[in-house]
Amino acid sequence: MWWLAFMFCPRCLDQQVKDGLPVHRRAEWTLAFLTHCPQHQDEPLRHYCLCCHHEEPRWIITREGKDEEVQCRHCGAALSHWPRGTIDRFSPPLQLTLRLESTILHSLSGQAPDPFWVGNVDAETFANLVAELFALLAEPDRQGVLALADHLGGEDWWDKHRLGYGVVTTVASLQHWASRLKMVASMAKCLLGERSLQFFRFRGPRCVGQRDLYPFAILFRELPVERHEELIRRAMRWPDPLAEQVARVVRR
């Protein structure tokens, strides 16, 4: 798995102060695939102050009136302030993607994933599969310009940001939560195949006209030809639903 050096949940920091606990960062916040706090799923994890935009802000605890709050050491703004309405928190693609984030997190602690994703597999198998798919989605396309995940991005989210291979050499280089959210969403599309079209809108080039080949027909189309054989060999070890998806693409 990939790690980020500094992430925090503004609402958790605020709650820690109210509960009289030492203000601290939770270990799971450093996992690169985790874009939202597991406790406050409507709040993206941050790596910068929303006021001065200083990255990895150091904080101080100060008293404002009767209450204490966590403030940015650089500008004095309260780190517990957070924006609202950037993404529809109840949208099907967002809820599905956060569900996958939670499933990955639990698999790292040994909990078997919901069969909804790839059938009945153990936690280790699922975690290894996720790591392989993240590495695949971060690879450059045949033009060497975009990441493979770019070709599955569609228009799921509010921004138009493309991942780009120059940015996605590894998942860990993705700091902005919206970019990492797209990576996890692309992962969900790989795991669910055609079923993902129930949750995500898709306006890109059609999957050679056949929904049952989505999304691996697109990945094969955009992956450099010399990498096809390796992907086919790798897919033979994947859980049956994914192995069958790849086999269908190869047969056609």
C-alpha atoms as a PDB file:
ATOM      1  CA  MET A   1       0.000   0.000   0.000  1.00  0.00           C
ATOM      2  CA  TRP A   2       0.994   3.633  -0.421  1.00  0.00           C
ATOM      3  CA  TRP A   3       1.363   6.236   2.281  1.00  0.00           C
ATOM      4  CA  LEU A   4       1.011  10.001   2.556  1.00  0.00           C
ATOM      5  CA  ALA A   5       3.134  11.926   5.028  1.00  0.00           C
ATOM      6  CA  PHE A   6       0.548  14.313   6.468  1.00  0.00           C
ATOM      7  CA  MET A   7      -3.240  14.173   6.479  1.00  0.00           C
ATOM      8  CA  PHE A   8      -5.811  15.290   9.020  1.00  0.00           C
ATOM      9  CA  CYS A   9      -9.564  15.405   9.535  1.00  0.00           C
ATOM     10  CA  PRO A  10     -10.656  18.886  10.718  1.00  0.00           C
ATOM     11  CA  ARG A  11     -13.711  17.502  12.483  1.00  0.00           C
ATOM     12  CA  CYS A  12     -11.706  14.875  14.362  1.00  0.00           C
ATOM     13  CA  LEU A  13      -9.221  17.514  15.551  1.00  0.00           C
ATOM     14  CA  ASP A  14     -12.124  19.606  16.803  1.00  0.00           C
ATOM     15  CA  GLN A  15     -13.636  16.612  18.589  1.00  0.00           C
ATOM     16  CA  GLN A  16     -10.314  15.663  20.199  1.00  0.00           C
ATOM     17  CA  VAL A  17     -10.107  19.133  21.759  1.00  0.00           C
ATOM     18  CA  LYS A  18     -13.709  18.987  22.983  1.00  0.00           C
ATOM     19  CA  ASP A  19     -13.087  15.551  24.544  1.00  0.00           C
ATOM     20  CA  GLY A  20      -9.913  16.747  26.270  1.00  0.00           C
ATOM     21  CA  LEU A  21      -7.729  14.307  24.322  1.00  0.00           C
ATOM     22  CA  PRO A  22      -4.206  14.973  23.001  1.00  0.00           C
ATOM     23  CA  VAL A  23      -4.532  16.369  19.475  1.00  0.00           C
ATOM     24  CA  HIS A  24      -3.061  13.783  17.153  1.00  0.00           C
ATOM     25  CA  ARG A  25      -3.225  12.331  13.657  1.00  0.00           C
ATOM     26  CA  ARG A  26      -4.729   8.867  13.350  1.00  0.00           C
ATOM     27  CA  ALA A  27      -2.477   6.271  11.696  1.00  0.00           C
ATOM     28  CA  GLU A  28      -5.010   5.319   9.002  1.00  0.00           C
ATOM     29  CA  TRP A  29      -5.148   8.913   7.728  1.00  0.00           C
ATOM     30  CA  THR A  30      -1.732   8.367   6.128  1.00  0.00           C
ATOM     31  CA  LEU A  31      -3.017   5.653   3.784  1.00  0.00           C
ATOM     32  CA  ALA A  32      -3.080   7.115   0.283  1.00  0.00           C
ATOM     33  CA  PHE A  33      -6.284   5.359  -0.772  1.00  0.00           C
ATOM     34  CA  LEU A  34      -8.206   6.850   2.163  1.00  0.00           C
ATOM     35  CA  THR A  35      -9.622  10.163   0.947  1.00  0.00           C
ATOM     36  CA  HIS A  36     -12.267  10.723   3.629  1.00  0.00           C
ATOM     37  CA  CYS A  37     -12.226  10.259   7.374  1.00  0.00           C
ATOM     38  CA  PRO A  38     -13.734   6.855   8.279  1.00  0.00           C
ATOM     39  CA  GLN A  39     -15.719   8.546  11.050  1.00  0.00           C
ATOM     40  CA  HIS A  40     -16.807  11.639   9.088  1.00  0.00           C
ATOM     41  CA  GLN A  41     -17.314  10.401   5.563  1.00  0.00           C
ATOM     42  CA  ASP A  42     -18.711  13.736   4.408  1.00  0.00           C
ATOM     43  CA  GLU A  43     -15.342  15.387   5.153  1.00  0.00           C
ATOM     44  CA  PRO A  44     -12.241  14.919   2.945  1.00  0.00           C
ATOM     45  CA  LEU A  45      -8.921  14.465   4.685  1.00  0.00           C
ATOM     46  CA  ARG A  46      -6.683  17.521   4.266  1.00  0.00           C
ATOM     47  CA  HIS A  47      -2.960  18.119   3.966  1.00  0.00           C
ATOM     48  CA  TYR A  48      -3.076  21.937   4.005  1.00  0.00           C
ATOM     49  CA  CYS A  49      -4.655  24.853   5.823  1.00  0.00           C
ATOM     50  CA  LEU A  50      -7.834  25.968   4.068  1.00  0.00           C
ATOM     51  CA  CYS A  51      -7.026  29.615   4.850  1.00  0.00           C
ATOM     52  CA  CYS A  52      -3.326  30.140   4.004  1.00  0.00           C
ATOM     53  CA  HIS A  53      -2.949  26.903   1.966  1.00  0.00           C
ATOM     54  CA  HIS A  54       0.273  26.105   3.781  1.00  0.00           C
ATOM     55  CA  GLU A  55       0.929  22.390   3.304  1.00  0.00           C
ATOM     56  CA  GLU A  56       1.459  20.162   6.326  1.00  0.00           C
ATOM     57  CA  PRO A  57       0.403  22.897   8.753  1.00  0.00           C
ATOM     58  CA  ARG A  58       1.656  22.634  12.318  1.00  0.00           C
ATOM     59  CA  TRP A  59      -1.041  23.429  14.814  1.00  0.00           C
ATOM     60  CA  ILE A  60      -1.432  25.132  18.147  1.00  0.00           C
ATOM     61  CA  ILE A  61      -4.305  24.929  20.619  1.00  0.00           C
ATOM     62  CA  THR A  62      -5.676  28.306  21.674  1.00  0.00           C
ATOM     63  CA  ARG A  63      -8.653  29.475  23.679  1.00  0.00           C
ATOM     64  CA  GLU A  64     -11.330  31.423  21.811  1.00  0.00           C
ATOM     65  CA  GLY A  65     -13.897  32.662  24.350  1.00  0.00           C
ATOM     66  CA  LYS A  66     -14.910  29.674  26.453  1.00  0.00           C
ATOM     67  CA  ASP A  67     -13.752  27.066  23.942  1.00  0.00           C
ATOM     68  CA  GLU A  68     -10.363  25.811  22.816  1.00  0.00           C
ATOM     69  CA  GLU A  69      -9.658  25.240  19.127  1.00  0.00           C
ATOM     70  CA  VAL A  70      -6.878  23.922  16.910  1.00  0.00           C
ATOM     71  CA  GLN A  71      -5.311  26.689  14.828  1.00  0.00           C
ATOM     72  CA  CYS A  72      -2.808  26.778  11.997  1.00  0.00           C
ATOM     73  CA  ARG A  73       0.544  27.875  13.405  1.00  0.00           C
ATOM     74  CA  HIS A  74       1.239  29.856  10.211  1.00  0.00           C
ATOM     75  CA  CYS A  75      -1.880  32.019   9.855  1.00  0.00           C
ATOM     76  CA  GLY A  76      -3.896  31.437  13.020  1.00  0.00           C
ATOM     77  CA  ALA A  77      -7.009  30.162  11.204  1.00  0.00           C
ATOM     78  CA  ALA A  78      -8.984  27.413  12.909  1.00  0.00           C
ATOM     79  CA  LEU A  79      -8.210  24.087  11.270  1.00  0.00           C
ATOM     80  CA  SER A  80     -11.618  22.817  12.334  1.00  0.00           C
ATOM     81  CA  HIS A  81     -13.272  25.008   9.699  1.00  0.00           C
ATOM     82  CA  TRP A  82     -14.227  23.013   6.616  1.00  0.00           C
ATOM     83  CA  PRO A  83     -15.979  23.831   3.331  1.00  0.00           C
ATOM     84  CA  ARG A  84     -19.329  22.348   2.392  1.00  0.00           C
ATOM     85  CA  GLY A  85     -20.895  21.255  -0.869  1.00  0.00           C
ATOM     86  CA  THR A  86     -17.793  20.436  -2.943  1.00  0.00           C
ATOM     87  CA  ILE A  87     -19.133  16.984  -3.794  1.00  0.00           C
ATOM     88  CA  ASP A  88     -22.633  15.664  -3.322  1.00  0.00           C
ATOM     89  CA  ARG A  89     -21.994  13.482  -0.291  1.00  0.00           C
ATOM     90  CA  PHE A  90     -25.017  11.319  -1.107  1.00  0.00           C
ATOM     91  CA  SER A  91     -24.212  10.731  -4.790  1.00  0.00           C
ATOM     92  CA  PRO A  92     -24.072   7.050  -5.845  1.00  0.00           C
ATOM     93  CA  PRO A  93     -20.482   7.242  -7.179  1.00  0.00           C
ATOM     94  CA  LEU A  94     -19.188   8.905  -4.020  1.00  0.00           C
ATOM     95  CA  GLN A  95     -20.934   6.503  -1.661  1.00  0.00           C
ATOM     96  CA  LEU A  96     -19.706   3.486  -3.633  1.00  0.00           C
ATOM     97  CA  THR A  97     -16.146   4.793  -3.694  1.00  0.00           C
ATOM     98  CA  LEU A  98     -16.128   5.481   0.047  1.00  0.00           C
ATOM     99  CA  ARG A  99     -17.541   2.013   0.599  1.00  0.00           C
ATOM    100  CA  LEU A 100     -14.557   0.595  -1.269  1.00  0.00           C
ATOM    101  CA  GLU A 101     -12.153   2.696   0.791  1.00  0.00           C
ATOM    102  CA  SER A 102     -13.688   1.247   3.950  1.00  0.00           C
ATOM    103  CA  THR A 103     -13.456  -2.290   2.546  1.00  0.00           C
ATOM    104  CA  ILE A 104      -9.765  -1.874   1.712  1.00  0.00           C
ATOM    105  CA  LEU A 105      -9.057  -0.446   5.167  1.00  0.00           C
ATOM    106  CA  HIS A 106     -10.752  -3.384   6.883  1.00  0.00           C
ATOM    107  CA  SER A 107      -8.960  -5.911   4.662  1.00  0.00           C
ATOM    108  CA  LEU A 108      -5.622  -4.548   5.873  1.00  0.00           C
ATOM    109  CA  SER A 109      -6.657  -5.500   9.404  1.00  0.00           C
ATOM    110  CA  GLY A 110      -7.571  -9.031   8.301  1.00  0.00           C
ATOM    111  CA  GLN A 111     -11.316  -8.644   7.702  1.00  0.00           C
ATOM    112  CA  ALA A 112     -12.608 -10.469   4.628  1.00  0.00           C
ATOM    113  CA  PRO A 113     -14.225  -8.115   2.081  1.00  0.00           C
ATOM    114  CA  ASP A 114     -17.898  -8.011   1.219  1.00  0.00           C
ATOM    115  CA  PRO A 115     -18.534 -10.574  -1.576  1.00  0.00           C
ATOM    116  CA  PHE A 116     -20.233  -7.712  -3.425  1.00  0.00           C
ATOM    117  CA  TRP A 117     -16.855  -6.727  -4.858  1.00  0.00           C
ATOM    118  CA  VAL A 118     -15.228  -9.887  -6.255  1.00  0.00           C
ATOM    119  CA  GLY A 119     -16.999 -12.791  -4.597  1.00  0.00           C
ATOM    120  CA  ASN A 120     -15.741 -14.740  -1.614  1.00  0.00           C
ATOM    121  CA  VAL A 121     -12.036 -14.053  -1.092  1.00  0.00           C
ATOM    122  CA  ASP A 122      -9.928 -13.646   2.028  1.00  0.00           C
ATOM    123  CA  ALA A 123      -8.493 -10.348   3.244  1.00  0.00           C
ATOM    124  CA  GLU A 124      -4.948 -11.001   1.999  1.00  0.00           C
ATOM    125  CA  THR A 125      -6.114 -11.923  -1.503  1.00  0.00           C
ATOM    126  CA  PHE A 126      -8.226  -8.780  -1.699  1.00  0.00           C
ATOM    127  CA  ALA A 127      -5.446  -6.488  -0.409  1.00  0.00           C
ATOM    128  CA  ASN A 128      -2.969  -7.958  -2.931  1.00  0.00           C
ATOM    129  CA  LEU A 129      -5.486  -7.540  -5.755  1.00  0.00           C
ATOM    130  CA  VAL A 130      -6.063  -3.906  -4.824  1.00  0.00           C
ATOM    131  CA  ALA A 131      -2.316  -3.238  -4.776  1.00  0.00           C
ATOM    132  CA  GLU A 132      -1.929  -4.758  -8.257  1.00  0.00           C
ATOM    133  CA  LEU A 133      -4.830  -2.772  -9.678  1.00  0.00           C
ATOM    134  CA  PHE A 134      -3.570   0.488  -8.184  1.00  0.00           C
ATOM    135  CA  ALA A 135      -0.197  -0.125  -9.826  1.00  0.00           C
ATOM    136  CA  LEU A 136      -1.919  -0.890 -13.161  1.00  0.00           C
ATOM    137  CA  LEU A 137      -4.110   2.220 -13.056  1.00  0.00           C
ATOM    138  CA  ALA A 138      -1.096   4.425 -12.342  1.00  0.00           C
ATOM    139  CA  GLU A 139       0.787   3.157 -15.426  1.00  0.00           C
ATOM    140  CA  PRO A 140       1.213   5.448 -18.454  1.00  0.00           C
ATOM    141  CA  ASP A 141      -1.046   4.952 -21.453  1.00  0.00           C
ATOM    142  CA  ARG A 142       0.248   4.077 -24.922  1.00  0.00           C
ATOM    143  CA  GLN A 143       0.802   7.758 -25.685  1.00  0.00           C
ATOM    144  CA  GLY A 144       2.862   8.191 -22.525  1.00  0.00           C
ATOM    145  CA  VAL A 145       0.789  11.225 -21.568  1.00  0.00           C
ATOM    146  CA  LEU A 146      -1.995  10.118 -19.223  1.00  0.00           C
ATOM    147  CA  ALA A 147      -2.395   7.479 -16.564  1.00  0.00           C
ATOM    148  CA  LEU A 148      -4.644   4.532 -17.414  1.00  0.00           C
ATOM    149  CA  ALA A 149      -7.008   5.726 -14.693  1.00  0.00           C
ATOM    150  CA  ASP A 150      -7.588   8.886 -16.740  1.00  0.00           C
ATOM    151  CA  HIS A 151      -9.358   6.813 -19.367  1.00  0.00           C
ATOM    152  CA  LEU A 152     -11.839   5.507 -16.810  1.00  0.00           C
ATOM    153  CA  GLY A 153     -12.378   8.853 -15.089  1.00  0.00           C
ATOM    154  CA  GLY A 154     -15.301  10.024 -17.184  1.00  0.00           C
ATOM    155  CA  GLU A 155     -17.098  12.914 -15.519  1.00  0.00           C
ATOM    156  CA  ASP A 156     -17.840  11.392 -12.132  1.00  0.00           C
ATOM    157  CA  TRP A 157     -16.708  14.328 -10.019  1.00  0.00           C
ATOM    158  CA  TRP A 158     -17.149  18.076  -9.844  1.00  0.00           C
ATOM    159  CA  ASP A 159     -13.724  19.052 -11.216  1.00  0.00           C
ATOM    160  CA  LYS A 160     -12.127  18.461 -14.609  1.00  0.00           C
ATOM    161  CA  HIS A 161      -8.721  17.495 -13.232  1.00  0.00           C
ATOM    162  CA  ARG A 162      -6.948  14.760 -15.149  1.00  0.00           C
ATOM    163  CA  LEU A 163      -4.544  12.485 -13.372  1.00  0.00           C
ATOM    164  CA  GLY A 164      -1.756  12.483 -15.975  1.00  0.00           C
ATOM    165  CA  TYR A 165       1.246  10.171 -15.877  1.00  0.00           C
ATOM    166  CA  GLY A 166       3.531  13.000 -14.829  1.00  0.00           C
ATOM    167  CA  VAL A 167       1.513  13.266 -11.624  1.00  0.00           C
ATOM    168  CA  VAL A 168       0.666   9.620 -11.030  1.00  0.00           C
ATOM    169  CA  THR A 169       4.059   7.940 -11.047  1.00  0.00           C
ATOM    170  CA  THR A 170       2.835   6.327  -7.828  1.00  0.00           C
ATOM    171  CA  VAL A 171      -0.392   6.754  -5.927  1.00  0.00           C
ATOM    172  CA  ALA A 172       1.621   8.288  -3.079  1.00  0.00           C
ATOM    173  CA  SER A 173       2.471  11.308  -5.251  1.00  0.00           C
ATOM    174  CA  LEU A 174      -1.215  12.236  -5.370  1.00  0.00           C
ATOM    175  CA  GLN A 175      -1.778  14.714  -2.579  1.00  0.00           C
ATOM    176  CA  HIS A 176      -5.127  16.216  -3.534  1.00  0.00           C
ATOM    177  CA  TRP A 177      -7.977  14.121  -2.202  1.00  0.00           C
ATOM    178  CA  ALA A 178     -10.112  14.577  -5.343  1.00  0.00           C
ATOM    179  CA  SER A 179      -7.392  13.039  -7.530  1.00  0.00           C
ATOM    180  CA  ARG A 180      -7.000  10.098  -5.178  1.00  0.00           C
ATOM    181  CA  LEU A 181     -10.767   9.714  -5.058  1.00  0.00           C
ATOM    182  CA  LYS A 182     -10.746   9.245  -8.822  1.00  0.00           C
ATOM    183  CA  MET A 183      -8.100   6.540  -8.485  1.00  0.00           C
ATOM    184  CA  VAL A 184     -10.239   4.645  -5.984  1.00  0.00           C
ATOM    185  CA  ALA A 185     -13.304   5.149  -8.203  1.00  0.00           C
ATOM    186  CA  SER A 186     -11.377   3.662 -11.142  1.00  0.00           C
ATOM    187  CA  MET A 187     -10.509   0.742  -8.888  1.00  0.00           C
ATOM    188  CA  ALA A 188     -14.219   0.251  -8.131  1.00  0.00           C
ATOM    189  CA  LYS A 189     -14.955   0.143 -11.860  1.00  0.00           C
ATOM    190  CA  CYS A 190     -12.337  -2.575 -12.352  1.00  0.00           C
ATOM    191  CA  LEU A 191     -13.677  -4.662  -9.485  1.00  0.00           C
ATOM    192  CA  LEU A 192     -17.336  -4.378 -10.532  1.00  0.00           C
ATOM    193  CA  GLY A 193     -16.993  -4.394 -14.306  1.00  0.00           C
ATOM    194  CA  GLU A 194     -20.299  -3.786 -16.067  1.00  0.00           C
ATOM    195  CA  ARG A 195     -22.064  -3.470 -12.694  1.00  0.00           C
ATOM    196  CA  SER A 196     -20.202  -0.196 -12.090  1.00  0.00           C
ATOM    197  CA  LEU A 197     -22.298   1.470 -14.793  1.00  0.00           C
ATOM    198  CA  GLN A 198     -25.215   1.361 -12.337  1.00  0.00           C
ATOM    199  CA  PHE A 199     -23.324   3.834 -10.136  1.00  0.00           C
ATOM    200  CA  PHE A 200     -21.128   5.934 -12.432  1.00  0.00           C
ATOM    201  CA  ARG A 201     -22.132   7.971 -15.445  1.00  0.00           C
ATOM    202  CA  PHE A 202     -19.934   7.229 -18.418  1.00  0.00           C
ATOM    203  CA  ARG A 203     -19.545   9.615 -21.347  1.00  0.00           C
ATOM    204  CA  GLY A 204     -16.217   8.549 -22.745  1.00  0.00           C
ATOM    205  CA  PRO A 205     -15.607   6.489 -25.923  1.00  0.00           C
ATOM    206  CA  ARG A 206     -17.842   3.443 -25.921  1.00  0.00           C
ATOM    207  CA  CYS A 207     -16.353   0.173 -24.831  1.00  0.00           C
ATOM    208  CA  VAL A 208     -16.260  -1.171 -28.390  1.00  0.00           C
ATOM    209  CA  GLY A 209     -20.033  -1.100 -28.180  1.00  0.00           C
ATOM    210  CA  GLN A 210     -20.289  -3.865 -25.587  1.00  0.00           C
ATOM    211  CA  ARG A 211     -21.041  -3.091 -21.965  1.00  0.00           C
ATOM    212  CA  ASP A 212     -19.943  -6.521 -20.739  1.00  0.00           C
ATOM    213  CA  LEU A 213     -16.344  -5.664 -21.678  1.00  0.00           C
ATOM    214  CA  TYR A 214     -16.199  -2.543 -19.478  1.00  0.00           C
ATOM    215  CA  PRO A 215     -13.706  -1.421 -18.229  1.00  0.00           C
ATOM    216  CA  PHE A 216     -10.938  -3.823 -19.270  1.00  0.00           C
ATOM    217  CA  ALA A 217     -11.509  -3.316 -23.012  1.00  0.00           C
ATOM    218  CA  ILE A 218     -10.609   0.341 -22.437  1.00  0.00           C
ATOM    219  CA  LEU A 219      -7.550  -0.560 -20.369  1.00  0.00           C
ATOM    220  CA  PHE A 220      -6.313  -2.974 -23.040  1.00  0.00           C
ATOM    221  CA  ARG A 221      -6.906  -0.364 -25.720  1.00  0.00           C
ATOM    222  CA  GLU A 222      -4.904   2.278 -23.880  1.00  0.00           C
ATOM    223  CA  LEU A 223      -2.189   0.028 -22.419  1.00  0.00           C
ATOM    224  CA  PRO A 224       0.987  -0.289 -24.545  1.00  0.00           C
ATOM    225  CA  VAL A 225       0.794  -3.484 -26.624  1.00  0.00           C
ATOM    226  CA  GLU A 226       3.989  -4.890 -25.125  1.00  0.00           C
ATOM    227  CA  ARG A 227       2.300  -4.871 -21.716  1.00  0.00           C
ATOM    228  CA  HIS A 228      -0.732  -6.937 -22.772  1.00  0.00           C
ATOM    229  CA  GLU A 229       0.795 -10.369 -22.181  1.00  0.00           C
ATOM    230  CA  GLU A 230       1.901  -9.460 -18.687  1.00  0.00           C
ATOM    231  CA  LEU A 231      -1.585  -8.210 -17.805  1.00  0.00           C
ATOM    232  CA  ILE A 232      -3.155 -11.415 -19.152  1.00  0.00           C
ATOM    233  CA  ARG A 233      -0.785 -13.583 -17.083  1.00  0.00           C
ATOM    234  CA  ARG A 234      -1.431 -11.493 -13.989  1.00  0.00           C
ATOM    235  CA  ALA A 235      -5.204 -11.663 -14.455  1.00  0.00           C
ATOM    236  CA  MET A 236      -5.108 -15.469 -14.481  1.00  0.00           C
ATOM    237  CA  ARG A 237      -4.299 -15.318 -10.738  1.00  0.00           C
ATOM    238  CA  TRP A 238      -7.106 -12.864  -9.922  1.00  0.00           C
ATOM    239  CA  PRO A 239     -10.481 -13.866  -8.423  1.00  0.00           C
ATOM    240  CA  ASP A 240     -12.820 -15.464 -10.960  1.00  0.00           C
ATOM    241  CA  PRO A 241     -15.042 -12.417 -11.700  1.00  0.00           C
ATOM    242  CA  LEU A 242     -12.036 -10.314 -12.750  1.00  0.00           C
ATOM    243  CA  ALA A 243     -10.252 -13.159 -14.525  1.00  0.00           C
ATOM    244  CA  GLU A 244     -13.401 -13.780 -16.553  1.00  0.00           C
ATOM    245  CA  GLN A 245     -13.681 -10.090 -17.459  1.00  0.00           C
ATOM    246  CA  VAL A 246     -10.158 -10.088 -18.862  1.00  0.00           C
ATOM    247  CA  ALA A 247     -10.721 -13.421 -20.642  1.00  0.00           C
ATOM    248  CA  ARG A 248     -13.798 -12.015 -22.410  1.00  0.00           C
ATOM    249  CA  VAL A 249     -11.796  -9.061 -23.691  1.00  0.00           C
ATOM    250  CA  VAL A 250      -8.999 -11.318 -24.948  1.00  0.00           C
ATOM    251  CA  ARG A 251     -11.420 -13.684 -26.725  1.00  0.00           C
ATOM    252  CA  ARG A 252     -13.059 -10.813 -28.622  1.00  0.00           C
END
